[in-house]
Protein backbone atom coordinates (compact mmCIF):
# COMPACT_ATOMS: atom_id res chain seq x y z
CA MET A 1 -1.89 -37.35 -7.32
CA LYS A 2 -0.35 -36.23 -3.92
CA LEU A 3 2.46 -33.75 -4.23
CA THR A 4 4.73 -33.63 -1.05
CA LYS A 5 7.73 -31.56 0.14
CA ASN A 6 9.71 -35.02 -0.68
CA THR A 7 8.61 -34.77 -4.26
CA SER A 8 11.50 -33.52 -6.55
CA ILE A 9 11.34 -29.84 -7.18
CA ASP A 10 11.46 -30.07 -11.21
CA LEU A 11 8.62 -30.66 -13.67
CA VAL A 12 6.45 -32.35 -11.11
CA THR A 13 6.49 -29.25 -8.95
CA PRO A 14 6.66 -26.24 -11.11
CA LYS A 15 6.74 -22.79 -8.97
CA ILE A 16 3.48 -21.07 -8.09
CA SER A 17 3.55 -17.26 -7.33
CA ILE A 18 0.92 -16.15 -4.74
CA VAL A 19 0.33 -12.28 -4.69
CA MET A 20 -1.40 -11.21 -1.61
CA PRO A 21 -2.67 -7.69 -1.85
CA SER A 22 -3.14 -5.84 1.24
CA PHE A 23 -4.65 -2.74 3.07
CA ASN A 24 -5.19 -2.13 6.61
CA GLN A 25 -5.92 -5.96 7.49
CA ALA A 26 -3.69 -6.23 10.46
CA GLN A 27 -6.37 -8.26 12.17
CA PHE A 28 -6.09 -11.08 9.44
CA ILE A 29 -3.14 -10.54 7.47
CA GLU A 30 -0.91 -13.02 9.57
CA ARG A 31 -3.27 -15.87 9.16
CA SER A 32 -3.40 -15.28 5.37
CA ILE A 33 0.32 -15.00 5.03
CA LEU A 34 0.90 -18.32 7.53
CA SER A 35 -1.98 -20.03 5.13
CA VAL A 36 0.80 -19.77 2.12
CA LEU A 37 3.89 -20.38 3.86
CA ALA A 38 2.34 -23.67 5.68
CA GLN A 39 1.52 -24.87 2.22
CA ASP A 40 2.62 -28.74 2.18
CA TYR A 41 4.03 -27.99 -1.42
CA PRO A 42 7.51 -27.16 -1.76
CA ASN A 43 7.89 -24.72 -4.77
CA ILE A 44 5.85 -21.50 -3.87
CA GLU A 45 7.17 -17.72 -3.58
CA LEU A 46 4.69 -15.46 -1.75
CA ILE A 47 4.62 -11.53 -2.76
CA VAL A 48 3.01 -9.03 -0.65
CA ILE A 49 1.71 -5.60 -2.01
CA ASP A 50 0.66 -3.49 0.51
CA GLY A 51 -0.97 -0.49 -0.02
CA GLY A 52 0.56 2.07 2.44
CA SER A 53 -1.42 0.54 5.61
CA THR A 54 -1.37 2.65 8.69
CA ASP A 55 -2.95 -0.16 11.03
CA GLY A 56 0.16 -1.89 11.97
CA SER A 57 0.01 -4.29 8.64
CA GLU A 58 3.67 -3.34 7.63
CA GLU A 59 4.91 -4.36 10.89
CA ILE A 60 3.31 -7.70 10.41
CA ILE A 61 4.57 -8.27 6.81
CA ARG A 62 8.22 -7.09 8.16
CA ARG A 63 8.18 -10.33 10.69
CA TYR A 64 8.15 -12.65 7.68
CA ALA A 65 10.07 -10.42 5.18
CA ASN A 66 12.62 -13.28 5.02
CA GLN A 67 10.37 -15.71 3.68
CA LEU A 68 8.65 -13.41 1.04
CA ALA A 69 10.04 -13.51 -2.38
CA TYR A 70 9.10 -9.72 -2.61
CA TRP A 71 7.00 -7.00 -0.66
CA VAL A 72 6.39 -3.59 -0.45
CA SER A 73 4.37 -0.97 1.66
CA GLU A 74 3.36 2.19 -0.56
CA PRO A 75 0.07 3.81 -1.84
CA ASP A 76 -1.45 2.63 -4.91
CA GLU A 77 -4.75 2.81 -6.82
CA GLY A 78 -6.62 -0.10 -5.45
CA GLN A 79 -6.50 -3.77 -5.41
CA ALA A 80 -6.30 -4.59 -9.19
CA GLN A 81 -3.41 -2.23 -9.38
CA ALA A 82 -1.78 -3.86 -6.12
CA ILE A 83 -2.30 -7.29 -7.88
CA ASN A 84 -0.95 -6.10 -11.10
CA LYS A 85 2.30 -4.93 -9.14
CA GLY A 86 2.67 -8.32 -7.77
CA ILE A 87 1.90 -9.98 -10.98
CA ALA A 88 5.01 -8.07 -12.73
CA GLN A 89 7.31 -9.38 -9.72
CA ALA A 90 6.25 -13.11 -10.02
CA THR A 91 8.58 -15.77 -11.59
CA GLY A 92 6.33 -18.97 -11.31
CA GLU A 93 4.96 -20.88 -13.93
CA TRP A 94 1.57 -20.67 -12.26
CA ILE A 95 0.13 -17.71 -10.42
CA GLY A 96 -2.94 -16.57 -8.15
CA TRP A 97 -3.83 -14.06 -5.80
CA GLN A 98 -4.97 -14.36 -1.81
CA ASN A 99 -6.81 -11.68 -0.29
CA SER A 100 -5.23 -10.47 2.99
CA ASP A 101 -8.39 -11.48 5.03
CA ASP A 102 -8.71 -14.84 3.44
CA LEU A 103 -7.02 -18.38 3.65
CA PHE A 104 -5.77 -21.23 1.66
CA ALA A 105 -6.68 -24.72 2.84
CA PRO A 106 -3.36 -26.54 4.07
CA SER A 107 -3.18 -28.84 0.68
CA ALA A 108 -4.61 -26.14 -1.57
CA ILE A 109 -1.85 -25.66 -3.75
CA ALA A 110 -0.87 -29.22 -3.99
CA GLU A 111 -4.03 -30.17 -4.95
CA MET A 112 -4.26 -27.62 -7.57
CA VAL A 113 -1.12 -28.49 -9.21
CA ALA A 114 -2.11 -32.13 -9.34
CA CYS A 115 -5.00 -31.17 -11.04
CA ALA A 116 -3.12 -28.98 -13.83
CA LEU A 117 -0.80 -31.99 -14.32
CA LYS A 118 -3.48 -34.41 -14.84
CA ASN A 119 -5.05 -31.80 -17.37
CA PRO A 120 -2.13 -30.62 -19.48
CA LYS A 121 -4.31 -28.37 -21.56
CA THR A 122 -5.90 -26.44 -18.83
CA GLU A 123 -4.89 -22.88 -18.26
CA LEU A 124 -6.83 -22.45 -15.07
CA VAL A 125 -7.56 -24.74 -11.91
CA ILE A 126 -10.24 -23.95 -9.37
CA GLY A 127 -11.41 -25.53 -6.23
CA ASP A 128 -14.27 -24.97 -3.97
CA ILE A 129 -14.30 -22.76 -1.03
CA ALA A 130 -15.88 -22.21 2.49
CA MET A 131 -17.14 -19.01 3.94
CA ILE A 132 -15.69 -18.44 7.37
CA ASP A 133 -16.13 -15.59 10.15
CA THR A 134 -13.70 -13.51 12.09
CA GLU A 135 -12.69 -16.47 14.19
CA ASP A 136 -12.02 -18.86 11.42
CA GLN A 137 -15.07 -20.90 11.99
CA ARG A 138 -17.07 -22.36 9.08
CA ILE A 139 -20.32 -20.48 8.20
CA ARG A 140 -21.11 -22.88 4.88
CA ASN A 141 -19.51 -24.29 2.00
CA ILE A 142 -19.51 -23.22 -1.56
CA ARG A 143 -19.39 -25.80 -4.31
CA TYR A 144 -18.52 -25.36 -7.78
CA ILE A 145 -18.51 -26.97 -11.03
CA ARG A 146 -15.97 -26.62 -14.00
CA PRO A 147 -16.21 -23.06 -15.22
CA THR A 148 -16.72 -21.89 -18.85
CA TYR A 149 -17.22 -18.51 -20.36
CA GLN A 150 -20.84 -18.90 -20.95
CA SER A 151 -21.67 -20.16 -17.41
CA ILE A 152 -19.97 -17.36 -15.70
CA LEU A 153 -21.47 -14.90 -18.08
CA ALA A 154 -24.58 -16.27 -17.07
CA GLU A 155 -24.54 -16.75 -13.47
CA GLY A 156 -21.64 -14.39 -12.53
CA MET A 157 -19.13 -15.31 -10.11
CA VAL A 158 -19.38 -19.38 -9.98
CA LEU A 159 -15.71 -19.41 -9.10
CA THR A 160 -13.32 -17.32 -6.89
CA ASN A 161 -9.63 -16.10 -6.67
CA GLN A 162 -9.51 -17.62 -3.09
CA SER A 163 -8.95 -21.11 -4.78
CA ALA A 164 -7.69 -20.50 -8.07
CA ILE A 165 -4.55 -20.42 -10.00
CA TRP A 166 -3.53 -19.91 -13.86
CA LYS A 167 -0.78 -20.05 -16.16
CA ARG A 168 1.55 -16.93 -15.94
CA ARG A 169 2.09 -16.74 -19.49
CA ILE A 170 -1.56 -16.12 -20.42
CA HIS A 171 -0.99 -12.47 -18.98
CA GLU A 172 1.03 -12.19 -22.36
CA SER A 173 -1.97 -12.59 -24.59
CA ILE A 174 -4.72 -11.23 -22.30
CA GLY A 175 -2.90 -8.58 -20.45
CA TYR A 176 -3.47 -7.91 -16.66
CA LEU A 177 -6.51 -7.25 -14.44
CA ASN A 178 -8.45 -3.97 -15.27
CA GLU A 179 -7.33 -1.34 -12.84
CA GLU A 180 -10.22 0.78 -13.62
CA LEU A 181 -12.41 -1.57 -12.00
CA HIS A 182 -12.24 -1.72 -8.23
CA TYR A 183 -15.32 -4.06 -7.12
CA GLY A 184 -15.69 -6.46 -10.47
CA PHE A 185 -12.31 -6.87 -11.44
CA ASP A 186 -12.02 -10.34 -10.45
CA TYR A 187 -15.21 -10.96 -12.47
CA GLU A 188 -13.90 -9.24 -15.54
CA TRP A 189 -10.68 -11.02 -15.28
CA PHE A 190 -12.00 -14.44 -15.21
CA LEU A 191 -14.24 -13.65 -17.87
CA ARG A 192 -11.27 -13.04 -20.15
CA VAL A 193 -9.36 -16.11 -18.99
CA LEU A 194 -12.66 -18.33 -19.75
CA LYS A 195 -13.11 -16.70 -23.07
CA ASN A 196 -9.97 -17.81 -24.29
CA TYR A 197 -8.84 -20.76 -21.98
CA SER A 198 -10.07 -24.18 -20.53
CA ALA A 199 -10.38 -24.42 -16.97
CA ALA A 200 -10.60 -27.78 -14.41
CA HIS A 201 -12.09 -28.34 -11.22
CA VAL A 202 -10.81 -29.72 -8.12
CA PRO A 203 -14.14 -30.74 -5.93
CA LEU A 204 -12.44 -29.99 -2.51
CA VAL A 205 -12.48 -26.88 -0.25
CA LEU A 206 -9.22 -25.13 -0.99
CA GLY A 207 -9.93 -21.60 0.28
CA TYR A 208 -11.68 -19.71 2.71
CA LEU A 209 -13.57 -16.60 2.15
CA ARG A 210 -14.09 -14.42 5.21
CA ILE A 211 -17.14 -12.62 6.16
CA HIS A 212 -16.74 -9.70 8.23
CA PRO A 213 -18.49 -6.17 8.42
CA GLN A 214 -15.58 -4.19 6.66
CA THR A 215 -15.35 -6.46 3.31
CA LYS A 216 -16.27 -4.45 0.20
CA THR A 217 -18.71 -6.86 -0.58
CA SER A 218 -20.72 -6.05 2.66
CA LEU A 219 -20.22 -2.27 2.31
CA GLN A 220 -20.62 -1.48 -0.97
CA GLN A 221 -23.13 -3.48 -2.78
CA PRO A 222 -24.28 -0.94 -5.38
CA GLN A 223 -20.96 -0.20 -6.72
CA PHE A 224 -20.57 -3.82 -7.46
CA ILE A 225 -23.91 -3.69 -9.44
CA LYS A 226 -22.73 -0.78 -11.12
CA GLU A 227 -19.28 -2.24 -12.47
CA TYR A 228 -20.97 -5.71 -13.44
CA GLU A 229 -23.58 -3.64 -15.58
CA LEU A 230 -20.30 -2.33 -17.19
CA ILE A 231 -18.55 -5.50 -17.62
CA TRP A 232 -21.61 -7.25 -19.31
CA GLN A 233 -22.25 -4.42 -21.65
CA GLY A 234 -25.26 -6.11 -23.31
CA ARG A 235 -23.11 -9.55 -23.38
CA ARG A 236 -25.76 -10.99 -20.46
CA PRO A 237 -27.77 -13.83 -21.47
CA ASN A 238 -31.40 -13.48 -21.00
CA LYS A 239 -33.20 -14.78 -17.96
CA LEU A 240 -34.16 -18.14 -19.37
CA ILE A 241 -30.58 -18.87 -20.42
CA ARG A 242 -29.48 -17.70 -16.87
CA THR A 243 -32.02 -20.29 -15.41
CA PHE A 244 -30.83 -22.90 -17.60
CA TYR A 245 -27.02 -22.56 -16.44
CA LYS A 246 -28.32 -22.61 -13.04
CA VAL A 247 -30.25 -25.76 -13.05
CA ARG A 248 -27.45 -27.28 -15.00
CA ARG A 249 -25.03 -26.59 -11.90
CA TYR A 250 -27.64 -27.99 -9.63
CA SER A 251 -28.15 -30.99 -11.81
CA ILE A 252 -24.25 -31.61 -11.91
CA HIS A 253 -24.39 -31.55 -8.07
CA VAL A 254 -27.20 -34.07 -7.83
CA LEU A 255 -25.36 -36.35 -10.18
CA LYS A 256 -22.26 -35.95 -7.95
CA GLY A 257 -24.53 -36.94 -4.79
CA GLN A 258 -23.96 -33.68 -3.35
CA PHE A 259 -27.05 -33.36 -1.88
CA PHE A 260 -26.25 -31.87 1.54
CA HIS A 261 -24.74 -28.87 -0.32
CA LEU A 262 -27.95 -28.41 -2.13
CA ILE A 263 -30.02 -28.32 1.10
CA GLU A 264 -27.34 -25.89 2.72
CA GLN A 265 -27.75 -23.61 -0.26
CA THR A 266 -31.38 -23.99 0.00
CA LYS A 267 -31.59 -23.08 3.83
CA PHE A 268 -29.12 -20.05 3.08
CA ALA A 269 -31.60 -18.93 0.28
CA LEU A 270 -34.55 -19.10 2.60
CA ASN A 271 -32.88 -17.54 5.62
CA ASN A 272 -31.82 -14.44 3.27
CA PHE A 273 -35.46 -14.16 1.60
CA LEU A 274 -36.78 -13.94 5.15
CA ARG A 275 -34.58 -11.42 6.49
């Protein structure tokens, strides 16, 4: 089901709120903002929460102020708090966040909404992503399958915010993001969502995760590991069960005929091993 700007803004096109947390991403933030504003979906509000950037980001945000539902630039306590501030301003039926150095594919929101309408009992919709470099050039695709609480508990982040939306109303029952976490808050959030609600998956690249030297993933791996240990708190399955879920995921890719993806993943793993 393809939604376009000619579709009636009614039940068919629920409002989508996208929160964009930002801090000193002047090199990329304009591209990120435009990836939301240029969506081929007619009912989106973009909320930008900047943490008091000093690199010119605020000036870039101001250029688009009349196209934003809300924006602010002020010091905060980290990315999770910034996202929560944005969620508090959101009025959409569905909500998601996009980092200020990452991108949506042009039809990302339309595809996720179409999936949500086909799966009315679903509270979370995810898509696939591609990793890109600083010049927006593709590095490799990352394919997912429909996530469950047990699968991401076993495997970790086998989904991502770069291509995800969820029903805003679920915040009423499971709360907001954990502001005490600075590296694993997205993983902890999706664990909570999937423990209580079901998800659907769109087998298309809908988001782009940018890889560059200043990302938290690149700079602070030990902190990620420490927070993940706190999040698991003894809940993580043993190695046998973790292996089962990985084999299950690969088997589903095989059944879907995604052989090129598996070859690409294998090459990537071998290159990392040989470094």
